[in-house]
């Protein structure tokens, strides 16, 4: 049997290893479009800071790891998937046949429609090649402008600040991390970042970039800034363009069932490119965090082996949840589930701006369906456990509405009887 995995990030690597454990004699091909050994994009900020060398970003440290497992690594881009013939077509025209296929291509950066965005000195912070270029320019005192202050942008921003650059961040939303934080929390993060010496321009767009040394960056507020380096961190989207016309159903990502199988038998998806069921919202979502990618890869791999042997699916995905824990220059913020609330739901929040603490809880009936927090690190595990576990809280909902800081007590009181202790036991940070 031949299992092909398109994508050599965390999901692809974990899937390949899982298949090898389950099927020692099967052929496995792992395809990635970068020449480097498979690595973690989320380790790139640590590379920029200098905490690790390039080898420290590699997912597996042994240089013979894939060879030892008899996993065939292929460096190539994939042009298309031919469902009828069970073949993939590479960019160079070569074709490979498969018995099962895993799409684990992750995401790619969004290119904002800004004149001059392709100028020399403008980079995404997405690949090791990007990181090498950024490190050459992001010297202490260099003027750096970052386009975008979302989740990924904040992680990049922290690494740049640690390099001692003069950093300005431009965000078109009315606050920082607008897709993760409400107005109060986003505003608190912005104030905190500015207190650390980073200039923040919210409600502002980059309108044009003029090539040169330095670059001239025109903003929508009428000002023009000089920059030795511009980082484009305007967000990402699933890298699934090669599936157009394949017959594989795609919405925002590759649509999967509880087995991580697509609408085409034998073809699966996992990681940042996969769209799976979110048990909190009751909808399918792309949840681009590394713990979800790892579990999706495991489930998909087990079911790929079963499918290849004509057996029923061996594993189910319990669902994914929107989980974000962010450290922004020392300020810890979190976002879980439907943090914006639901129609007909109830809401409570408290803020202590002087102490940099904010807590917002969203309820549907007596279930906590979402929350935001800034500074309340002691409650992170309880928030995750209650939201993911969809715990019915009974009278504890009213107690939390009076005092939201009683989250841990509410979790212990309600989850104990419902066997939902795992959420508070292991809070994982975002990765891909």
Protein backbone atom coordinates (compact mmCIF):
# COMPACT_ATOMS: atom_id res chain seq x y z
CA UNK A 1 0.00 0.00 0.00
CA UNK A 2 1.18 3.51 -0.79
CA UNK A 3 0.26 6.40 1.49
CA UNK A 4 1.05 9.89 0.22
CA UNK A 5 1.14 12.88 2.52
CA UNK A 6 1.20 16.34 0.98
CA UNK A 7 2.70 18.74 3.50
CA UNK A 8 5.79 18.27 5.67
CA UNK A 9 4.75 20.31 8.70
CA UNK A 10 3.76 18.92 12.11
CA UNK A 11 0.57 17.26 10.84
CA UNK A 12 2.33 15.59 7.93
CA UNK A 13 5.22 14.32 10.03
CA UNK A 14 3.01 12.96 12.82
CA UNK A 15 0.77 11.24 10.28
CA UNK A 16 3.74 9.61 8.56
CA UNK A 17 5.13 8.35 11.87
CA UNK A 18 1.73 7.03 12.95
CA UNK A 19 1.24 5.17 9.69
CA UNK A 20 4.68 3.60 10.02
CA UNK A 21 3.85 2.29 13.51
CA UNK A 22 0.59 0.79 12.26
CA UNK A 23 1.83 -0.49 8.90
CA UNK A 24 5.56 -1.36 9.04
CA UNK A 25 5.69 -2.59 5.44
CA UNK A 26 3.59 0.08 3.68
CA UNK A 27 5.16 2.68 1.44
CA UNK A 28 4.98 6.25 2.75
CA UNK A 29 5.83 9.37 0.75
CA UNK A 30 6.04 12.73 2.51
CA UNK A 31 5.99 15.68 0.11
CA UNK A 32 7.07 19.19 1.08
CA UNK A 33 7.85 22.20 -1.09
CA UNK A 34 10.76 23.52 0.99
CA UNK A 35 14.30 22.13 0.78
CA UNK A 36 14.86 22.27 4.53
CA UNK A 37 14.16 19.35 6.81
CA UNK A 38 10.56 19.48 8.14
CA UNK A 39 10.38 22.25 10.72
CA UNK A 40 7.95 24.13 12.95
CA UNK A 41 6.94 27.58 11.76
CA UNK A 42 6.11 28.47 15.34
CA UNK A 43 9.79 28.08 16.22
CA UNK A 44 10.81 30.85 13.83
CA UNK A 45 10.32 33.65 16.41
CA UNK A 46 12.71 31.79 18.71
CA UNK A 47 15.18 31.68 15.84
CA UNK A 48 14.83 35.44 15.33
CA UNK A 49 15.50 36.08 19.01
CA UNK A 50 18.50 33.76 18.97
CA UNK A 51 17.16 31.20 21.44
CA UNK A 52 17.63 28.41 18.88
CA UNK A 53 19.65 27.82 15.74
CA UNK A 54 18.00 26.64 12.53
CA UNK A 55 18.38 23.01 13.57
CA UNK A 56 16.38 23.87 16.67
CA UNK A 57 13.33 24.54 14.51
CA UNK A 58 13.43 21.03 13.01
CA UNK A 59 10.56 18.79 14.04
CA UNK A 60 12.87 15.82 14.48
CA UNK A 61 16.50 16.24 15.49
CA UNK A 62 18.07 13.13 14.00
CA UNK A 63 19.28 13.81 10.43
CA UNK A 64 18.39 10.21 9.51
CA UNK A 65 14.98 10.15 11.22
CA UNK A 66 12.90 9.80 8.04
CA UNK A 67 15.37 7.47 6.41
CA UNK A 68 15.36 5.26 9.51
CA UNK A 69 11.56 5.02 9.33
CA UNK A 70 11.67 4.37 5.59
CA UNK A 71 9.62 7.48 4.90
CA UNK A 72 10.36 8.78 1.42
CA UNK A 73 10.86 12.55 1.54
CA UNK A 74 10.18 14.38 -1.72
CA UNK A 75 10.88 18.09 -2.19
CA UNK A 76 8.35 19.32 -4.75
CA UNK A 77 5.22 21.33 -5.24
CA UNK A 78 1.93 19.62 -6.04
CA UNK A 79 -0.02 20.95 -8.99
CA UNK A 80 -3.21 18.90 -8.72
CA UNK A 81 -4.91 15.80 -7.35
CA UNK A 82 -6.54 13.44 -9.83
CA UNK A 83 -9.29 11.72 -7.86
CA UNK A 84 -10.46 9.33 -10.59
CA UNK A 85 -7.02 7.84 -11.19
CA UNK A 86 -5.78 8.24 -7.59
CA UNK A 87 -2.73 10.20 -8.67
CA UNK A 88 -1.14 13.49 -7.76
CA UNK A 89 0.56 15.66 -10.36
CA UNK A 90 3.73 17.50 -9.37
CA UNK A 91 4.76 20.93 -10.59
CA UNK A 92 7.29 19.30 -12.92
CA UNK A 93 4.60 17.09 -14.46
CA UNK A 94 5.61 13.87 -12.70
CA UNK A 95 2.80 11.77 -11.27
CA UNK A 96 2.56 9.55 -8.21
CA UNK A 97 -0.16 7.02 -7.52
CA UNK A 98 -1.62 6.48 -4.06
CA UNK A 99 -3.86 4.14 -2.14
CA UNK A 100 -4.60 6.77 0.49
CA UNK A 101 -3.81 10.46 0.50
CA UNK A 102 -3.47 12.99 3.31
CA UNK A 103 -3.71 16.71 2.56
CA UNK A 104 -1.69 18.48 5.26
CA UNK A 105 -0.50 21.54 3.38
CA UNK A 106 -1.14 24.01 6.19
CA UNK A 107 -1.60 27.70 5.45
CA UNK A 108 0.12 30.38 3.44
CA UNK A 109 0.36 34.11 4.11
CA UNK A 110 -2.24 36.46 2.69
CA UNK A 111 -0.75 39.07 0.38
CA UNK A 112 -2.52 42.37 1.03
CA UNK A 113 -3.41 44.41 -2.09
CA UNK A 114 -0.82 47.10 -1.37
CA UNK A 115 1.21 48.71 -4.18
CA UNK A 116 4.85 47.89 -3.57
CA UNK A 117 4.19 44.87 -1.36
CA UNK A 118 6.68 42.87 -3.46
CA UNK A 119 9.48 45.41 -2.98
CA UNK A 120 12.92 44.35 -1.75
CA UNK A 121 12.96 44.59 2.03
CA UNK A 122 9.33 43.43 2.45
CA UNK A 123 8.97 39.92 3.87
CA UNK A 124 6.48 37.54 5.40
CA UNK A 125 7.78 35.89 8.54
CA UNK A 126 6.66 32.44 7.45
CA UNK A 127 9.59 30.36 6.24
CA UNK A 128 13.19 29.77 7.26
CA UNK A 129 14.20 31.66 4.13
CA UNK A 130 12.12 34.62 5.34
CA UNK A 131 13.81 34.40 8.74
CA UNK A 132 17.28 34.52 7.22
CA UNK A 133 16.41 37.66 5.28
CA UNK A 134 14.77 39.32 8.28
CA UNK A 135 17.74 38.66 10.55
CA UNK A 136 20.05 40.44 8.11
CA UNK A 137 17.93 43.62 8.29
CA UNK A 138 16.45 43.57 11.81
CA UNK A 139 19.54 44.90 13.55
CA UNK A 140 19.37 46.91 16.79
CA UNK A 141 18.06 50.38 15.99
CA UNK A 142 16.70 49.44 12.56
CA UNK A 143 13.34 50.95 11.65
CA UNK A 144 10.86 48.13 11.20
CA UNK A 145 7.20 48.43 10.26
CA UNK A 146 4.89 45.47 10.72
CA UNK A 147 1.65 45.24 8.78
CA UNK A 148 -0.87 43.38 10.94
CA UNK A 149 -1.39 42.88 14.68
CA UNK A 150 -3.30 39.62 14.75
CA UNK A 151 -2.28 36.49 16.64
CA UNK A 152 0.65 35.62 14.40
CA UNK A 153 1.60 39.29 14.11
CA UNK A 154 1.89 39.60 17.89
CA UNK A 155 4.19 36.61 18.08
CA UNK A 156 6.41 38.07 15.35
CA UNK A 157 6.28 41.49 17.02
CA UNK A 158 7.65 40.07 20.24
CA UNK A 159 10.62 38.54 18.43
CA UNK A 160 11.34 41.77 16.57
CA UNK A 161 11.14 43.83 19.78
CA UNK A 162 13.63 41.47 21.40
CA UNK A 163 16.10 42.24 18.59
CA UNK A 164 16.15 45.89 19.66
CA UNK A 165 14.59 47.42 16.54
CA UNK A 166 12.49 50.58 16.39
CA UNK A 167 9.17 48.88 15.79
CA UNK A 168 5.89 50.28 14.49
CA UNK A 169 2.79 48.11 14.05
CA UNK A 170 -0.09 49.01 11.73
CA UNK A 171 -3.44 47.24 12.20
CA UNK A 172 -6.50 47.99 10.09
CA UNK A 173 -8.83 46.74 12.84
CA UNK A 174 -9.91 49.03 15.64
CA UNK A 175 -7.78 47.09 18.16
CA UNK A 176 -4.96 44.58 18.37
CA UNK A 177 -5.80 40.90 17.78
CA UNK A 178 -9.34 41.81 16.66
CA UNK A 179 -10.23 38.22 15.69
CA UNK A 180 -9.33 36.96 19.14
CA UNK A 181 -10.09 39.81 21.55
CA UNK A 182 -12.97 42.14 22.25
CA UNK A 183 -12.54 45.93 22.34
CA UNK A 184 -11.55 46.15 26.01
CA UNK A 185 -9.01 43.32 25.89
CA UNK A 186 -7.58 44.42 22.52
CA UNK A 187 -7.24 47.95 23.79
CA UNK A 188 -5.42 46.79 26.92
CA UNK A 189 -2.94 44.81 24.83
CA UNK A 190 -2.33 47.87 22.64
CA UNK A 191 -1.67 50.10 25.67
CA UNK A 192 0.67 47.50 27.13
CA UNK A 193 2.64 47.14 23.92
CA UNK A 194 3.03 50.89 23.55
CA UNK A 195 4.30 51.11 27.14
CA UNK A 196 7.07 48.75 26.01
CA UNK A 197 8.20 51.15 23.28
CA UNK A 198 6.31 49.80 20.27
CA UNK A 199 4.32 52.32 18.25
CA UNK A 200 0.84 51.02 17.43
CA UNK A 201 -1.50 52.43 14.78
CA UNK A 202 -4.95 50.81 14.90
CA UNK A 203 -7.73 51.64 12.46
CA UNK A 204 -4.96 52.32 9.96
CA UNK A 205 -3.98 50.75 6.62
CA UNK A 206 -0.76 50.62 4.68
CA UNK A 207 -1.71 52.25 1.38
CA UNK A 208 1.55 51.99 -0.55
CA UNK A 209 5.20 51.01 -0.21
CA UNK A 210 7.79 52.84 -2.31
CA UNK A 211 10.97 50.84 -3.01
CA UNK A 212 14.31 52.18 -1.90
CA UNK A 213 16.66 52.40 1.05
CA UNK A 214 14.87 53.17 3.24
CA UNK A 215 11.43 52.03 2.10
CA UNK A 216 8.75 54.74 2.16
CA UNK A 217 5.50 53.47 3.66
CA UNK A 218 2.35 55.56 3.16
CA UNK A 219 -0.37 55.11 5.78
CA UNK A 220 -4.08 55.84 5.56
CA UNK A 221 -3.75 58.41 8.36
CA UNK A 222 -1.83 60.63 5.93
CA UNK A 223 1.65 60.03 7.27
CA UNK A 224 4.63 58.45 5.51
CA UNK A 225 7.17 56.41 7.43
CA UNK A 226 10.71 55.30 6.61
CA UNK A 227 11.45 51.61 7.14
CA UNK A 228 14.57 49.50 6.77
CA UNK A 229 12.34 46.43 6.86
CA UNK A 230 8.61 45.78 6.41
CA UNK A 231 7.01 42.61 7.77
CA UNK A 232 3.71 41.61 6.20
CA UNK A 233 1.67 39.74 8.83
CA UNK A 234 -1.79 40.29 7.39
CA UNK A 235 -3.00 36.81 8.22
CA UNK A 236 -3.01 33.37 6.59
CA UNK A 237 -5.42 31.11 4.77
CA UNK A 238 -5.42 27.35 4.04
CA UNK A 239 -3.05 26.38 1.24
CA UNK A 240 -5.52 24.43 -0.87
CA UNK A 241 -5.49 26.18 -4.24
CA UNK A 242 -4.11 23.06 -5.93
CA UNK A 243 -7.37 21.24 -5.12
CA UNK A 244 -9.49 23.44 -7.37
CA UNK A 245 -11.44 21.28 -9.79
CA UNK A 246 -10.42 18.08 -8.01
CA UNK A 247 -13.89 17.24 -6.73
CA UNK A 248 -12.66 17.36 -3.13
CA UNK A 249 -15.07 19.56 -1.18
CA UNK A 250 -13.47 22.71 0.23
CA UNK A 251 -15.06 25.55 2.16
CA UNK A 252 -12.59 27.74 4.03
CA UNK A 253 -10.49 24.60 4.38
CA UNK A 254 -10.75 20.99 3.20
CA UNK A 255 -14.02 19.73 4.62
CA UNK A 256 -13.65 16.57 6.72
CA UNK A 257 -15.85 14.22 8.71
CA UNK A 258 -15.22 12.82 12.18
CA UNK A 259 -12.66 10.42 10.70
CA UNK A 260 -10.82 13.32 8.98
CA UNK A 261 -11.89 11.84 5.64
CA UNK A 262 -13.01 14.15 2.85
CA UNK A 263 -16.00 13.54 0.59
CA UNK A 264 -13.69 11.30 -1.47
CA UNK A 265 -13.07 7.89 0.16
CA UNK A 266 -9.38 7.34 0.88
CA UNK A 267 -8.51 11.04 0.85
CA UNK A 268 -8.06 12.71 4.24
CA UNK A 269 -7.00 16.12 5.56
CA UNK A 270 -5.40 17.35 8.78
CA UNK A 271 -3.88 20.47 10.29
CA UNK A 272 -4.26 24.10 9.33
CA UNK A 273 -5.78 23.27 5.94
CA UNK A 274 -8.52 21.02 7.35
CA UNK A 275 -12.00 22.12 8.29
CA UNK A 276 -13.45 20.01 11.09
CA UNK A 277 -16.44 20.07 13.41
CA UNK A 278 -16.33 22.44 16.39
CA UNK A 279 -18.48 20.99 19.14
CA UNK A 280 -18.81 24.37 20.88
CA UNK A 281 -20.17 26.40 17.96
CA UNK A 282 -21.80 23.44 16.23
CA UNK A 283 -20.12 24.43 12.96
CA UNK A 284 -17.11 23.32 10.97
CA UNK A 285 -14.06 25.52 11.45
CA UNK A 286 -10.38 25.71 10.61
CA UNK A 287 -8.65 25.65 14.00
CA UNK A 288 -5.05 26.44 13.21
CA UNK A 289 -3.27 25.38 16.37
CA UNK A 290 -0.63 22.70 16.69
CA UNK A 291 -2.36 20.52 19.32
CA UNK A 292 -5.38 20.20 17.03
CA UNK A 293 -3.12 19.48 14.06
CA UNK A 294 -1.35 16.71 15.97
CA UNK A 295 -4.59 15.01 17.00
CA UNK A 296 -6.09 15.35 13.53
CA UNK A 297 -2.94 13.81 12.04
CA UNK A 298 -3.10 10.86 14.42
CA UNK A 299 -6.78 10.19 13.72
CA UNK A 300 -6.35 10.57 9.96
CA UNK A 301 -3.33 8.26 9.87
CA UNK A 302 -5.08 5.48 11.78
CA UNK A 303 -8.03 5.69 9.42
CA UNK A 304 -5.79 5.79 6.34
CA UNK A 305 -4.27 2.46 7.33
CA UNK A 306 -7.72 1.02 8.03
CA UNK A 307 -9.09 2.25 4.70
CA UNK A 308 -6.17 0.78 2.78
CA UNK A 309 -6.99 -2.61 4.26
CA UNK A 310 -10.73 -2.39 3.73
CA UNK A 311 -11.51 -2.00 7.42
CA UNK A 312 -13.85 0.38 9.20
CA UNK A 313 -12.47 3.65 10.55
CA UNK A 314 -10.40 3.08 13.67
CA UNK A 315 -10.53 6.53 15.29
CA UNK A 316 -12.85 9.51 15.62
CA UNK A 317 -12.01 13.16 16.15
CA UNK A 318 -13.81 14.40 19.24
CA UNK A 319 -14.01 17.84 17.69
CA UNK A 320 -11.92 20.98 17.61
CA UNK A 321 -12.31 24.21 19.56
CA UNK A 322 -11.04 27.71 19.04
CA UNK A 323 -8.22 27.89 21.59
CA UNK A 324 -5.72 30.73 21.73
CA UNK A 325 -3.23 31.60 24.46
CA UNK A 326 -1.00 34.54 23.60
CA UNK A 327 2.01 36.10 25.32
CA UNK A 328 2.45 39.67 24.07
CA UNK A 329 5.62 41.17 25.57
CA UNK A 330 4.74 39.59 28.88
CA UNK A 331 0.98 40.18 28.89
CA UNK A 332 -0.90 36.86 28.77
CA UNK A 333 -4.27 36.83 27.02
CA UNK A 334 -6.61 34.01 26.10
CA UNK A 335 -9.57 33.36 23.86
CA UNK A 336 -11.72 30.24 23.91
CA UNK A 337 -14.76 29.15 21.95
CA UNK A 338 -17.45 31.67 20.96
CA UNK A 339 -15.76 34.57 22.76
CA UNK A 340 -18.03 37.09 20.98
CA UNK A 341 -21.12 35.41 22.42
CA UNK A 342 -24.26 34.05 20.80
CA UNK A 343 -27.64 35.46 19.96
CA UNK A 344 -29.86 35.14 23.01
CA UNK A 345 -26.90 34.33 25.26
CA UNK A 346 -25.77 36.05 28.46
CA UNK A 347 -22.56 37.87 29.18
CA UNK A 348 -20.55 39.17 32.13
CA UNK A 349 -17.18 40.90 32.26
CA UNK A 350 -14.91 42.61 34.76
CA UNK A 351 -11.90 44.84 34.14
CA UNK A 352 -9.12 46.09 36.39
CA UNK A 353 -7.14 48.28 34.00
CA UNK A 354 -4.63 49.32 36.67
CA UNK A 355 -3.61 45.70 37.21
CA UNK A 356 -3.92 44.77 33.53
CA UNK A 357 -6.68 42.22 34.14
CA UNK A 358 -9.85 41.61 32.18
CA UNK A 359 -12.27 38.69 32.10
CA UNK A 360 -15.26 38.22 29.80
CA UNK A 361 -17.56 35.19 29.95
CA UNK A 362 -20.23 34.19 27.44
CA UNK A 363 -23.06 31.81 28.31
CA UNK A 364 -25.72 29.95 26.36
CA UNK A 365 -28.18 28.67 28.91
CA UNK A 366 -26.05 27.32 31.75
CA UNK A 367 -23.08 26.43 29.52
CA UNK A 368 -19.97 28.59 29.18
CA UNK A 369 -19.55 28.82 25.39
CA UNK A 370 -16.72 31.35 25.16
CA UNK A 371 -14.43 33.68 27.05
CA UNK A 372 -11.69 36.28 26.80
CA UNK A 373 -9.12 37.05 29.44
CA UNK A 374 -6.14 39.30 29.98
CA UNK A 375 -3.86 38.72 32.96
CA UNK A 376 -5.98 36.00 34.58
CA UNK A 377 -3.41 33.26 34.05
CA UNK A 378 -4.60 31.25 37.06
CA UNK A 379 -7.93 30.63 35.36
CA UNK A 380 -6.72 29.51 31.92
CA UNK A 381 -7.10 25.78 32.55
CA UNK A 382 -10.57 26.16 34.04
CA UNK A 383 -11.74 28.32 31.13
CA UNK A 384 -10.56 25.80 28.60
CA UNK A 385 -12.03 22.87 30.49
CA UNK A 386 -15.45 24.47 30.86
CA UNK A 387 -15.68 25.65 27.25
CA UNK A 388 -14.32 22.48 25.65
CA UNK A 389 -16.23 20.18 27.95
CA UNK A 390 -19.50 22.04 27.41
CA UNK A 391 -20.17 21.55 31.10
CA UNK A 392 -23.69 22.25 32.33
CA UNK A 393 -23.10 24.57 35.26
CA UNK A 394 -26.49 24.79 36.92
CA UNK A 395 -26.47 27.31 39.78
CA UNK A 396 -22.80 28.05 39.17
CA UNK A 397 -23.70 30.14 36.14
CA UNK A 398 -25.44 32.69 38.34
CA UNK A 399 -22.54 32.61 40.79
CA UNK A 400 -20.10 33.37 37.97
CA UNK A 401 -22.27 36.19 36.72
CA UNK A 402 -21.91 37.75 40.17
CA UNK A 403 -18.19 36.95 40.46
CA UNK A 404 -16.44 35.69 37.30
CA UNK A 405 -13.21 35.12 39.22
CA UNK A 406 -14.73 31.97 40.77
CA UNK A 407 -13.99 30.02 37.58
CA UNK A 408 -11.74 27.42 39.18
CA UNK A 409 -14.23 26.72 41.94
CA UNK A 410 -16.98 26.43 39.33
CA UNK A 411 -14.86 24.05 37.27
CA UNK A 412 -14.08 21.80 40.22
CA UNK A 413 -17.69 21.76 41.36
CA UNK A 414 -19.24 21.06 37.98
CA UNK A 415 -16.66 19.14 35.96
CA UNK A 416 -15.88 16.61 38.67
CA UNK A 417 -19.28 15.06 38.36
CA UNK A 418 -19.11 15.06 34.56
CA UNK A 419 -15.64 13.50 34.17
CA UNK A 420 -14.22 16.53 32.40
CA UNK A 421 -10.92 17.10 34.18
CA UNK A 422 -8.59 16.95 31.19
CA UNK A 423 -9.16 20.53 30.05
CA UNK A 424 -7.56 22.11 33.10
CA UNK A 425 -4.77 19.60 33.24
CA UNK A 426 -3.00 20.57 30.04
CA UNK A 427 -3.29 23.99 28.48
CA UNK A 428 -1.30 24.04 25.23
CA UNK A 429 -0.10 27.15 23.50
CA UNK A 430 -0.84 27.82 19.78
CA UNK A 431 1.40 26.35 17.20
CA UNK A 432 1.31 25.00 13.48
